[in-house]
Amino acid sequence: MSKGHVIVIDDDAAVLDSIEAMLTVAEFEVTLFASPMLFFAALETLPFGCVVTDVRMPEMSGLALVERLGQSGRQDWPLIVMSGHGDIPMAVQAMKAGAANFLEKPFASGALVQAISDAFLVTQPVDPTSPDFDEARRRYQTLSPREREVLSHLVNGASSKVTALVMGISPRTVDVFRGNILRKMQAPNVAAIATLVGRGLAA
């Protein structure tokens, strides 16, 4: 059984082939596109999926892709951007525009698989009437606005480094926030928070 549908967009054929191979081994269903325009031309026919895109492409940047995907009504589709070192400022902009995470090239296959798994985890439906959800909501209300902002990145799978870049703070400060969040939420790790309440936590 497939672990989920992943859509990969990159103008480098070798990159597409490599990612397809690693995600197929990880038991994801994979659809490939060599350009953003081909992706948007087929968008209406595509089932829900996690979009993985390069941030720098000739026809359209990853930032523009994030914005256009949101305008198409697919704000709930998790999106991960891949960037080279020089493209990190653009990748940070993409995260601020709605991307779930970014991976700096080169990255290990395990890092991509984990990022996709985390992105799907946050989109799982939750039962807002359950006692566990009510308790999690009560604990969430004890978080400061800054702690909630940090949590919004961490539950999508962003590392401390990525979260720090997006928020303009140090990774050490993110780790301090993480510790405070886990203590207030009474959770063993961030994944447990995402598993319990998913996207409905801040509603």
N, C-alpha and C. Protein backbone atom coordinates (compact mmCIF):
# COMPACT_ATOMS: atom_id res chain seq x y z
N MET A 1 0.83 -1.19 0.00
CA MET A 1 0.00 0.00 0.00
C MET A 1 0.87 1.25 0.00
N SER A 2 0.52 2.23 -0.84
CA SER A 2 1.31 3.44 -0.94
C SER A 2 1.22 4.27 0.34
N LYS A 3 2.34 4.91 0.72
CA LYS A 3 2.37 5.78 1.89
C LYS A 3 1.86 7.18 1.57
N GLY A 4 1.56 7.42 0.29
CA GLY A 4 1.07 8.73 -0.11
C GLY A 4 1.57 9.10 -1.49
N HIS A 5 0.94 10.11 -2.06
CA HIS A 5 1.29 10.57 -3.41
C HIS A 5 2.25 11.75 -3.32
N VAL A 6 3.37 11.66 -4.00
CA VAL A 6 4.37 12.73 -4.01
C VAL A 6 4.57 13.22 -5.43
N ILE A 7 4.50 14.54 -5.60
CA ILE A 7 4.69 15.18 -6.91
C ILE A 7 6.03 15.89 -6.88
N VAL A 8 6.92 15.53 -7.80
CA VAL A 8 8.26 16.11 -7.82
C VAL A 8 8.43 16.97 -9.07
N ILE A 9 8.89 18.22 -8.86
CA ILE A 9 9.05 19.16 -9.97
C ILE A 9 10.50 19.64 -9.98
N ASP A 10 11.22 19.36 -11.06
CA ASP A 10 12.62 19.79 -11.18
C ASP A 10 12.99 19.78 -12.66
N ASP A 11 13.77 20.76 -13.09
CA ASP A 11 14.15 20.83 -14.51
C ASP A 11 15.38 19.98 -14.82
N ASP A 12 15.93 19.31 -13.80
CA ASP A 12 17.09 18.43 -13.98
C ASP A 12 16.60 16.99 -14.02
N ALA A 13 16.72 16.35 -15.19
CA ALA A 13 16.22 14.99 -15.37
C ALA A 13 16.91 14.01 -14.44
N ALA A 14 18.20 14.21 -14.19
CA ALA A 14 18.93 13.29 -13.31
C ALA A 14 18.40 13.37 -11.88
N VAL A 15 18.05 14.58 -11.45
CA VAL A 15 17.49 14.76 -10.11
C VAL A 15 16.14 14.06 -10.01
N LEU A 16 15.31 14.23 -11.04
CA LEU A 16 14.00 13.58 -11.05
C LEU A 16 14.14 12.07 -10.95
N ASP A 17 15.05 11.51 -11.73
CA ASP A 17 15.25 10.06 -11.72
C ASP A 17 15.72 9.58 -10.35
N SER A 18 16.64 10.33 -9.75
CA SER A 18 17.18 9.94 -8.45
C SER A 18 16.11 9.98 -7.36
N ILE A 19 15.32 11.07 -7.36
CA ILE A 19 14.27 11.19 -6.34
C ILE A 19 13.19 10.15 -6.55
N GLU A 20 12.83 9.89 -7.80
CA GLU A 20 11.82 8.86 -8.07
C GLU A 20 12.27 7.52 -7.52
N ALA A 21 13.53 7.19 -7.72
CA ALA A 21 14.05 5.90 -7.25
C ALA A 21 13.98 5.80 -5.72
N MET A 22 14.43 6.86 -5.03
CA MET A 22 14.46 6.78 -3.57
C MET A 22 13.05 6.78 -2.97
N LEU A 23 12.12 7.50 -3.59
CA LEU A 23 10.76 7.54 -3.04
C LEU A 23 9.98 6.27 -3.37
N THR A 24 10.28 5.66 -4.50
CA THR A 24 9.63 4.40 -4.85
C THR A 24 10.05 3.31 -3.87
N VAL A 25 11.33 3.29 -3.53
CA VAL A 25 11.83 2.33 -2.55
C VAL A 25 11.15 2.55 -1.20
N ALA A 26 10.86 3.83 -0.89
CA ALA A 26 10.21 4.16 0.38
C ALA A 26 8.69 3.95 0.32
N GLU A 27 8.20 3.43 -0.78
CA GLU A 27 6.79 3.04 -0.97
C GLU A 27 5.84 4.22 -1.13
N PHE A 28 6.33 5.31 -1.73
CA PHE A 28 5.45 6.41 -2.10
C PHE A 28 5.06 6.27 -3.58
N GLU A 29 3.88 6.76 -3.92
CA GLU A 29 3.48 6.87 -5.31
C GLU A 29 4.05 8.19 -5.83
N VAL A 30 4.74 8.17 -6.97
CA VAL A 30 5.48 9.34 -7.43
C VAL A 30 5.01 9.78 -8.82
N THR A 31 4.79 11.10 -8.96
CA THR A 31 4.50 11.70 -10.26
C THR A 31 5.55 12.78 -10.52
N LEU A 32 6.16 12.76 -11.70
CA LEU A 32 7.27 13.66 -12.02
C LEU A 32 6.86 14.72 -13.04
N PHE A 33 7.40 15.94 -12.88
CA PHE A 33 7.21 17.00 -13.85
C PHE A 33 8.54 17.71 -14.06
N ALA A 34 8.87 17.97 -15.36
CA ALA A 34 10.14 18.62 -15.69
C ALA A 34 10.07 20.13 -15.60
N SER A 35 8.88 20.69 -15.34
CA SER A 35 8.75 22.14 -15.21
C SER A 35 7.48 22.48 -14.45
N PRO A 36 7.44 23.66 -13.81
CA PRO A 36 6.23 24.09 -13.12
C PRO A 36 5.03 24.23 -14.06
N MET A 37 5.28 24.66 -15.27
CA MET A 37 4.17 24.86 -16.20
C MET A 37 3.50 23.54 -16.56
N LEU A 38 4.28 22.48 -16.72
CA LEU A 38 3.70 21.16 -16.99
C LEU A 38 2.89 20.69 -15.77
N PHE A 39 3.39 21.00 -14.58
CA PHE A 39 2.67 20.64 -13.36
C PHE A 39 1.32 21.34 -13.29
N PHE A 40 1.29 22.64 -13.52
CA PHE A 40 0.04 23.38 -13.43
C PHE A 40 -0.93 23.01 -14.55
N ALA A 41 -0.39 22.60 -15.70
CA ALA A 41 -1.25 22.16 -16.80
C ALA A 41 -1.99 20.88 -16.43
N ALA A 42 -1.39 20.07 -15.57
CA ALA A 42 -1.99 18.78 -15.17
C ALA A 42 -2.65 18.85 -13.80
N LEU A 43 -2.60 19.98 -13.14
CA LEU A 43 -3.02 20.08 -11.74
C LEU A 43 -4.43 19.58 -11.49
N GLU A 44 -5.37 19.92 -12.36
CA GLU A 44 -6.77 19.54 -12.14
C GLU A 44 -6.98 18.03 -12.16
N THR A 45 -6.04 17.31 -12.75
CA THR A 45 -6.18 15.85 -12.86
C THR A 45 -5.43 15.11 -11.75
N LEU A 46 -4.70 15.84 -10.92
CA LEU A 46 -3.84 15.20 -9.93
C LEU A 46 -4.57 15.00 -8.60
N PRO A 47 -4.38 13.85 -7.97
CA PRO A 47 -4.93 13.64 -6.63
C PRO A 47 -4.08 14.38 -5.60
N PHE A 48 -4.61 14.54 -4.40
CA PHE A 48 -3.89 15.19 -3.31
C PHE A 48 -2.50 14.58 -3.15
N GLY A 49 -1.52 15.43 -2.93
CA GLY A 49 -0.18 14.91 -2.72
C GLY A 49 0.74 15.94 -2.11
N CYS A 50 1.91 15.50 -1.71
CA CYS A 50 2.97 16.37 -1.21
C CYS A 50 3.80 16.80 -2.41
N VAL A 51 3.96 18.10 -2.59
CA VAL A 51 4.71 18.64 -3.73
C VAL A 51 6.15 18.91 -3.29
N VAL A 52 7.10 18.37 -4.05
CA VAL A 52 8.52 18.61 -3.80
C VAL A 52 9.08 19.32 -5.03
N THR A 53 9.59 20.53 -4.86
CA THR A 53 10.03 21.30 -6.01
C THR A 53 11.37 21.96 -5.79
N ASP A 54 12.13 22.09 -6.86
CA ASP A 54 13.35 22.87 -6.80
C ASP A 54 12.96 24.34 -6.64
N VAL A 55 13.79 25.12 -5.98
CA VAL A 55 13.44 26.51 -5.74
C VAL A 55 13.84 27.41 -6.91
N ARG A 56 14.82 26.98 -7.71
CA ARG A 56 15.28 27.80 -8.83
C ARG A 56 15.12 27.03 -10.13
N MET A 57 14.18 27.47 -10.97
CA MET A 57 13.94 26.86 -12.27
C MET A 57 13.73 27.96 -13.31
N PRO A 58 14.00 27.68 -14.59
CA PRO A 58 13.95 28.72 -15.61
C PRO A 58 12.58 29.39 -15.78
N GLU A 59 11.50 28.60 -15.78
CA GLU A 59 10.18 29.17 -16.08
C GLU A 59 9.53 29.85 -14.90
N MET A 60 9.77 29.32 -13.69
CA MET A 60 9.09 29.82 -12.51
C MET A 60 9.88 29.41 -11.27
N SER A 61 10.06 30.34 -10.34
CA SER A 61 10.79 30.01 -9.12
C SER A 61 9.91 29.18 -8.19
N GLY A 62 10.57 28.52 -7.24
CA GLY A 62 9.82 27.77 -6.24
C GLY A 62 8.91 28.67 -5.43
N LEU A 63 9.36 29.92 -5.19
CA LEU A 63 8.54 30.88 -4.46
C LEU A 63 7.25 31.18 -5.22
N ALA A 64 7.37 31.44 -6.52
CA ALA A 64 6.19 31.71 -7.34
C ALA A 64 5.27 30.51 -7.40
N LEU A 65 5.87 29.30 -7.42
CA LEU A 65 5.07 28.09 -7.44
C LEU A 65 4.24 27.95 -6.16
N VAL A 66 4.87 28.24 -5.01
CA VAL A 66 4.15 28.17 -3.74
C VAL A 66 2.95 29.12 -3.76
N GLU A 67 3.18 30.34 -4.22
CA GLU A 67 2.11 31.34 -4.24
C GLU A 67 1.00 30.95 -5.20
N ARG A 68 1.36 30.44 -6.37
CA ARG A 68 0.34 30.07 -7.36
C ARG A 68 -0.46 28.85 -6.90
N LEU A 69 0.22 27.91 -6.24
CA LEU A 69 -0.48 26.72 -5.75
C LEU A 69 -1.53 27.14 -4.71
N GLY A 70 -1.17 28.09 -3.86
CA GLY A 70 -2.12 28.59 -2.88
C GLY A 70 -3.30 29.27 -3.53
N GLN A 71 -3.05 30.02 -4.60
CA GLN A 71 -4.12 30.71 -5.31
C GLN A 71 -5.06 29.74 -6.02
N SER A 72 -4.56 28.54 -6.28
CA SER A 72 -5.37 27.53 -6.98
C SER A 72 -6.31 26.80 -6.03
N GLY A 73 -6.25 27.13 -4.74
CA GLY A 73 -7.12 26.47 -3.76
C GLY A 73 -6.52 25.24 -3.14
N ARG A 74 -5.21 25.03 -3.36
CA ARG A 74 -4.54 23.84 -2.78
C ARG A 74 -3.66 24.23 -1.60
N GLN A 75 -4.14 25.14 -0.75
CA GLN A 75 -3.34 25.57 0.39
C GLN A 75 -3.03 24.41 1.34
N ASP A 76 -3.87 23.36 1.30
CA ASP A 76 -3.67 22.24 2.22
C ASP A 76 -2.69 21.20 1.67
N TRP A 77 -2.18 21.40 0.45
CA TRP A 77 -1.20 20.46 -0.10
C TRP A 77 0.16 20.79 0.49
N PRO A 78 0.78 19.87 1.23
CA PRO A 78 2.12 20.16 1.77
C PRO A 78 3.12 20.35 0.65
N LEU A 79 4.04 21.30 0.82
CA LEU A 79 5.01 21.61 -0.22
C LEU A 79 6.39 21.76 0.38
N ILE A 80 7.34 21.07 -0.20
CA ILE A 80 8.73 21.09 0.25
C ILE A 80 9.59 21.65 -0.88
N VAL A 81 10.43 22.64 -0.58
CA VAL A 81 11.30 23.20 -1.60
C VAL A 81 12.73 22.72 -1.37
N MET A 82 13.43 22.44 -2.46
CA MET A 82 14.83 22.04 -2.42
C MET A 82 15.67 23.22 -2.91
N SER A 83 16.78 23.47 -2.24
CA SER A 83 17.59 24.63 -2.64
C SER A 83 19.07 24.33 -2.54
N GLY A 84 19.84 24.96 -3.45
CA GLY A 84 21.27 24.99 -3.31
C GLY A 84 21.63 26.06 -2.30
N HIS A 85 22.88 26.10 -1.88
CA HIS A 85 23.28 27.05 -0.83
C HIS A 85 22.92 28.49 -1.19
N GLY A 86 23.16 28.87 -2.44
CA GLY A 86 22.90 30.24 -2.85
C GLY A 86 21.43 30.59 -2.95
N ASP A 87 20.58 29.58 -2.91
CA ASP A 87 19.14 29.80 -3.06
C ASP A 87 18.41 29.82 -1.72
N ILE A 88 19.15 29.77 -0.61
CA ILE A 88 18.50 29.68 0.69
C ILE A 88 17.60 30.88 0.98
N PRO A 89 18.01 32.13 0.67
CA PRO A 89 17.09 33.25 0.92
C PRO A 89 15.75 33.08 0.19
N MET A 90 15.79 32.56 -1.04
CA MET A 90 14.56 32.32 -1.78
C MET A 90 13.74 31.21 -1.13
N ALA A 91 14.43 30.18 -0.63
CA ALA A 91 13.74 29.07 0.04
C ALA A 91 13.07 29.56 1.32
N VAL A 92 13.74 30.46 2.06
CA VAL A 92 13.15 31.02 3.27
C VAL A 92 11.89 31.80 2.92
N GLN A 93 11.95 32.57 1.83
CA GLN A 93 10.77 33.30 1.37
C GLN A 93 9.63 32.34 1.04
N ALA A 94 9.98 31.21 0.41
CA ALA A 94 8.96 30.23 0.05
C ALA A 94 8.29 29.66 1.30
N MET A 95 9.07 29.43 2.36
CA MET A 95 8.49 28.93 3.60
C MET A 95 7.56 29.97 4.21
N LYS A 96 7.97 31.23 4.16
CA LYS A 96 7.12 32.28 4.70
C LYS A 96 5.83 32.41 3.89
N ALA A 97 5.90 32.02 2.61
CA ALA A 97 4.72 32.09 1.75
C ALA A 97 3.81 30.87 1.89
N GLY A 98 4.29 29.83 2.61
CA GLY A 98 3.42 28.69 2.82
C GLY A 98 4.04 27.32 2.64
N ALA A 99 5.29 27.25 2.17
CA ALA A 99 5.93 25.94 2.03
C ALA A 99 6.13 25.32 3.41
N ALA A 100 6.03 24.01 3.49
CA ALA A 100 6.15 23.32 4.78
C ALA A 100 7.59 23.22 5.25
N ASN A 101 8.53 23.11 4.31
CA ASN A 101 9.91 22.85 4.69
C ASN A 101 10.81 23.08 3.49
N PHE A 102 12.12 23.20 3.75
CA PHE A 102 13.05 23.16 2.63
C PHE A 102 14.25 22.32 2.99
N LEU A 103 14.82 21.70 1.98
CA LEU A 103 16.01 20.87 2.14
C LEU A 103 17.13 21.47 1.32
N GLU A 104 18.28 21.63 1.95
CA GLU A 104 19.44 22.18 1.26
C GLU A 104 20.19 21.06 0.54
N LYS A 105 20.43 21.25 -0.75
CA LYS A 105 21.17 20.26 -1.53
C LYS A 105 22.66 20.35 -1.20
N PRO A 106 23.37 19.20 -1.23
CA PRO A 106 22.82 17.84 -1.38
C PRO A 106 22.25 17.34 -0.06
N PHE A 107 21.26 16.48 -0.13
CA PHE A 107 20.67 15.93 1.09
C PHE A 107 20.59 14.41 0.96
N ALA A 108 20.57 13.75 2.10
CA ALA A 108 20.47 12.30 2.11
C ALA A 108 19.04 11.88 1.78
N SER A 109 18.90 10.70 1.22
CA SER A 109 17.56 10.21 0.86
C SER A 109 16.67 10.14 2.10
N GLY A 110 17.25 9.78 3.23
CA GLY A 110 16.46 9.68 4.45
C GLY A 110 15.88 11.01 4.87
N ALA A 111 16.59 12.10 4.59
CA ALA A 111 16.11 13.43 4.98
C ALA A 111 14.86 13.79 4.18
N LEU A 112 14.85 13.47 2.89
CA LEU A 112 13.69 13.76 2.06
C LEU A 112 12.50 12.90 2.46
N VAL A 113 12.74 11.62 2.66
CA VAL A 113 11.66 10.71 3.05
C VAL A 113 11.05 11.16 4.38
N GLN A 114 11.90 11.57 5.33
CA GLN A 114 11.40 12.01 6.63
C GLN A 114 10.60 13.30 6.51
N ALA A 115 11.09 14.23 5.68
CA ALA A 115 10.39 15.51 5.49
C ALA A 115 9.00 15.28 4.89
N ILE A 116 8.91 14.37 3.92
CA ILE A 116 7.63 14.06 3.29
C ILE A 116 6.70 13.37 4.29
N SER A 117 7.24 12.43 5.05
CA SER A 117 6.43 11.73 6.05
C SER A 117 5.88 12.70 7.09
N ASP A 118 6.73 13.64 7.53
CA ASP A 118 6.29 14.64 8.49
C ASP A 118 5.21 15.54 7.90
N ALA A 119 5.37 15.91 6.63
CA ALA A 119 4.39 16.78 5.98
C ALA A 119 3.04 16.09 5.88
N PHE A 120 3.03 14.80 5.56
CA PHE A 120 1.77 14.05 5.50
C PHE A 120 1.16 13.90 6.89
N LEU A 121 2.01 13.74 7.90
CA LEU A 121 1.54 13.55 9.26
C LEU A 121 0.68 14.72 9.71
N VAL A 122 1.10 15.93 9.37
CA VAL A 122 0.39 17.13 9.79
C VAL A 122 -0.94 17.30 9.07
N THR A 123 -1.10 16.67 7.92
CA THR A 123 -2.35 16.80 7.17
C THR A 123 -3.37 15.73 7.53
N GLN A 124 -3.03 14.82 8.44
CA GLN A 124 -3.98 13.78 8.82
C GLN A 124 -5.17 14.39 9.56
N PRO A 125 -6.37 13.91 9.27
CA PRO A 125 -7.55 14.46 9.96
C PRO A 125 -7.54 14.12 11.44
N VAL A 126 -8.11 15.00 12.23
CA VAL A 126 -8.20 14.77 13.66
C VAL A 126 -9.64 14.92 14.11
N ASP A 127 -9.94 14.38 15.28
CA ASP A 127 -11.28 14.48 15.85
C ASP A 127 -11.30 15.61 16.87
N PRO A 128 -11.87 16.77 16.53
CA PRO A 128 -11.86 17.91 17.45
C PRO A 128 -12.77 17.73 18.66
N THR A 129 -13.56 16.66 18.68
CA THR A 129 -14.46 16.43 19.82
C THR A 129 -13.86 15.51 20.87
N SER A 130 -12.67 14.97 20.59
CA SER A 130 -12.08 14.01 21.53
C SER A 130 -11.52 14.72 22.75
N PRO A 131 -11.54 14.04 23.92
CA PRO A 131 -10.97 14.64 25.15
C PRO A 131 -9.49 14.98 24.98
N ASP A 132 -8.75 14.13 24.26
CA ASP A 132 -7.33 14.38 24.05
C ASP A 132 -7.12 15.68 23.29
N PHE A 133 -7.99 15.93 22.31
CA PHE A 133 -7.87 17.16 21.53
C PHE A 133 -8.16 18.37 22.41
N ASP A 134 -9.19 18.28 23.24
CA ASP A 134 -9.52 19.40 24.13
C ASP A 134 -8.37 19.71 25.08
N GLU A 135 -7.75 18.66 25.61
CA GLU A 135 -6.63 18.87 26.53
C GLU A 135 -5.44 19.49 25.81
N ALA A 136 -5.18 19.00 24.58
CA ALA A 136 -4.08 19.56 23.80
C ALA A 136 -4.35 21.03 23.46
N ARG A 137 -5.60 21.34 23.16
CA ARG A 137 -5.97 22.73 22.87
C ARG A 137 -5.74 23.61 24.10
N ARG A 138 -6.09 23.11 25.27
CA ARG A 138 -5.90 23.88 26.50
C ARG A 138 -4.41 24.15 26.73
N ARG A 139 -3.59 23.13 26.52
CA ARG A 139 -2.15 23.31 26.69
C ARG A 139 -1.58 24.25 25.63
N TYR A 140 -2.10 24.15 24.43
CA TYR A 140 -1.62 25.02 23.35
C TYR A 140 -1.87 26.48 23.69
N GLN A 141 -2.98 26.77 24.35
CA GLN A 141 -3.30 28.14 24.71
C GLN A 141 -2.30 28.74 25.69
N THR A 142 -1.52 27.89 26.36
CA THR A 142 -0.51 28.40 27.30
C THR A 142 0.77 28.82 26.59
N LEU A 143 0.90 28.50 25.30
CA LEU A 143 2.10 28.87 24.56
C LEU A 143 2.06 30.35 24.20
N SER A 144 3.22 30.97 24.21
CA SER A 144 3.33 32.36 23.78
C SER A 144 3.20 32.43 22.26
N PRO A 145 2.90 33.62 21.71
CA PRO A 145 2.83 33.75 20.24
C PRO A 145 4.12 33.29 19.56
N ARG A 146 5.27 33.59 20.15
CA ARG A 146 6.54 33.19 19.55
C ARG A 146 6.70 31.66 19.60
N GLU A 147 6.28 31.06 20.69
CA GLU A 147 6.36 29.60 20.79
C GLU A 147 5.44 28.95 19.77
N ARG A 148 4.28 29.52 19.55
CA ARG A 148 3.37 28.97 18.54
C ARG A 148 3.96 29.08 17.14
N GLU A 149 4.67 30.18 16.89
CA GLU A 149 5.30 30.35 15.58
C GLU A 149 6.38 29.30 15.37
N VAL A 150 7.19 29.08 16.41
CA VAL A 150 8.22 28.03 16.31
C VAL A 150 7.58 26.68 16.09
N LEU A 151 6.53 26.38 16.84
CA LEU A 151 5.85 25.09 16.71
C LEU A 151 5.28 24.88 15.32
N SER A 152 4.77 25.95 14.71
CA SER A 152 4.17 25.83 13.38
C SER A 152 5.20 25.34 12.36
N HIS A 153 6.46 25.70 12.55
CA HIS A 153 7.52 25.22 11.66
C HIS A 153 7.96 23.80 12.03
N LEU A 154 8.12 23.56 13.32
CA LEU A 154 8.63 22.27 13.76
C LEU A 154 7.68 21.13 13.43
N VAL A 155 6.36 21.35 13.56
CA VAL A 155 5.43 20.24 13.29
C VAL A 155 5.40 19.88 11.81
N ASN A 156 5.87 20.78 10.94
CA ASN A 156 5.96 20.47 9.52
C ASN A 156 7.26 19.75 9.17
N GLY A 157 8.11 19.54 10.19
CA GLY A 157 9.35 18.82 9.96
C GLY A 157 10.57 19.69 9.79
N ALA A 158 10.42 21.01 9.92
CA ALA A 158 11.57 21.89 9.77
C ALA A 158 12.56 21.66 10.91
N SER A 159 13.84 21.67 10.58
CA SER A 159 14.88 21.52 11.59
C SER A 159 15.04 22.82 12.36
N SER A 160 15.83 22.78 13.43
CA SER A 160 16.11 24.01 14.18
C SER A 160 16.80 25.03 13.30
N LYS A 161 17.70 24.57 12.43
CA LYS A 161 18.43 25.48 11.53
C LYS A 161 17.47 26.17 10.57
N VAL A 162 16.58 25.39 9.96
CA VAL A 162 15.63 25.97 9.01
C VAL A 162 14.69 26.93 9.72
N THR A 163 14.17 26.53 10.86
CA THR A 163 13.27 27.39 11.62
C THR A 163 13.96 28.69 12.01
N ALA A 164 15.22 28.58 12.40
CA ALA A 164 15.99 29.77 12.78
C ALA A 164 16.15 30.72 11.60
N LEU A 165 16.44 30.18 10.43
CA LEU A 165 16.60 31.02 9.24
C LEU A 165 15.32 31.75 8.90
N VAL A 166 14.21 31.04 8.97
CA VAL A 166 12.92 31.65 8.63
C VAL A 166 12.54 32.73 9.63
N MET A 167 12.81 32.49 10.91
CA MET A 167 12.38 33.41 11.95
C MET A 167 13.41 34.48 12.28
N GLY A 168 14.63 34.34 11.75
CA GLY A 168 15.66 35.32 12.02
C GLY A 168 16.23 35.25 13.42
N ILE A 169 16.30 34.04 13.97
CA ILE A 169 16.87 33.83 15.31
C ILE A 169 17.92 32.73 15.21
N SER A 170 18.58 32.42 16.30
CA SER A 170 19.63 31.40 16.28
C SER A 170 19.03 30.00 16.48
N PRO A 171 19.70 28.96 15.95
CA PRO A 171 19.23 27.59 16.18
C PRO A 171 19.17 27.27 17.67
N ARG A 172 20.10 27.81 18.45
CA ARG A 172 20.09 27.57 19.89
C ARG A 172 18.81 28.12 20.52
N THR A 173 18.38 29.30 20.07
CA THR A 173 17.14 29.88 20.58
C THR A 173 15.95 29.02 20.21
N VAL A 174 15.96 28.47 19.00
CA VAL A 174 14.89 27.57 18.59
C VAL A 174 14.84 26.35 19.50
N ASP A 175 16.01 25.81 19.84
CA ASP A 175 16.05 24.65 20.71
C ASP A 175 15.50 24.97 22.11
N VAL A 176 15.75 26.18 22.58
CA VAL A 176 15.20 26.60 23.87
C VAL A 176 13.67 26.66 23.78
N PHE A 177 13.18 27.26 22.68
CA PHE A 177 11.73 27.30 22.47
C PHE A 177 11.15 25.90 22.40
N ARG A 178 11.86 25.00 21.69
CA ARG A 178 11.38 23.62 21.55
C ARG A 178 11.20 22.97 22.92
N GLY A 179 12.20 23.15 23.80
CA GLY A 179 12.11 22.58 25.13
C GLY A 179 10.93 23.12 25.92
N ASN A 180 10.70 24.44 25.82
CA ASN A 180 9.57 25.05 26.52
C ASN A 180 8.23 24.53 25.98
N ILE A 181 8.17 24.37 24.65
CA ILE A 181 6.94 23.89 24.01
C ILE A 181 6.62 22.47 24.47
N LEU A 182 7.61 21.59 24.45
CA LEU A 182 7.39 20.21 24.86
C LEU A 182 6.97 20.12 26.33
N ARG A 183 7.58 20.97 27.16
CA ARG A 183 7.22 20.97 28.57
C ARG A 183 5.77 21.44 28.76
N LYS A 184 5.39 22.51 28.10
CA LYS A 184 4.03 23.04 28.26
C LYS A 184 2.99 22.11 27.65
N MET A 185 3.35 21.47 26.52
CA MET A 185 2.41 20.57 25.87
C MET A 185 2.43 19.17 26.49
N GLN A 186 3.38 18.93 27.39
CA GLN A 186 3.54 17.63 28.04
C GLN A 186 3.67 16.51 27.00
N ALA A 187 4.53 16.77 26.03
CA ALA A 187 4.73 15.82 24.93
C ALA A 187 6.19 15.37 24.90
N PRO A 188 6.46 14.12 24.51
CA PRO A 188 7.83 13.63 24.47
C PRO A 188 8.63 14.21 23.31
N ASN A 189 7.96 14.58 22.24
CA ASN A 189 8.63 15.15 21.08
C ASN A 189 7.61 15.90 20.22
N VAL A 190 8.10 16.62 19.22
CA VAL A 190 7.22 17.41 18.36
C VAL A 190 6.32 16.51 17.52
N ALA A 191 6.84 15.34 17.12
CA ALA A 191 6.04 14.41 16.33
C ALA A 191 4.78 13.99 17.07
N ALA A 192 4.88 13.84 18.38
CA ALA A 192 3.71 13.46 19.17
C ALA A 192 2.65 14.54 19.14
N ILE A 193 3.06 15.80 19.10
CA ILE A 193 2.10 16.90 19.02
C ILE A 193 1.40 16.88 17.66
N ALA A 194 2.19 16.69 16.60
CA ALA A 194 1.61 16.65 15.26
C ALA A 194 0.67 15.46 15.11
N THR A 195 1.05 14.32 15.66
CA THR A 195 0.21 13.12 15.56
C THR A 195 -1.11 13.31 16.29
N LEU A 196 -1.05 13.96 17.45
CA LEU A 196 -2.25 14.10 18.28
C LEU A 196 -3.26 15.09 17.71
N VAL A 197 -2.78 16.24 17.30
CA VAL A 197 -3.72 17.30 16.95
C VAL A 197 -3.67 17.75 15.50
N GLY A 198 -2.63 17.36 14.76
CA GLY A 198 -2.57 17.72 13.35
C GLY A 198 -2.80 19.19 13.10
N ARG A 199 -3.45 19.52 12.03
CA ARG A 199 -3.62 20.91 11.62
C ARG A 199 -4.73 21.62 12.38
N GLY A 200 -5.51 20.88 13.18
CA GLY A 200 -6.63 21.52 13.86
C GLY A 200 -6.25 22.19 15.17
N LEU A 201 -4.99 22.10 15.58
CA LEU A 201 -4.58 22.61 16.89
C LEU A 201 -4.86 24.09 17.06
N ALA A 202 -4.48 24.88 16.07
CA ALA A 202 -4.56 26.33 16.21
C ALA A 202 -5.89 26.90 15.73
N ALA A 203 -6.86 26.03 15.39
CA ALA A 203 -8.13 26.52 14.85
C ALA A 203 -8.91 27.26 15.92
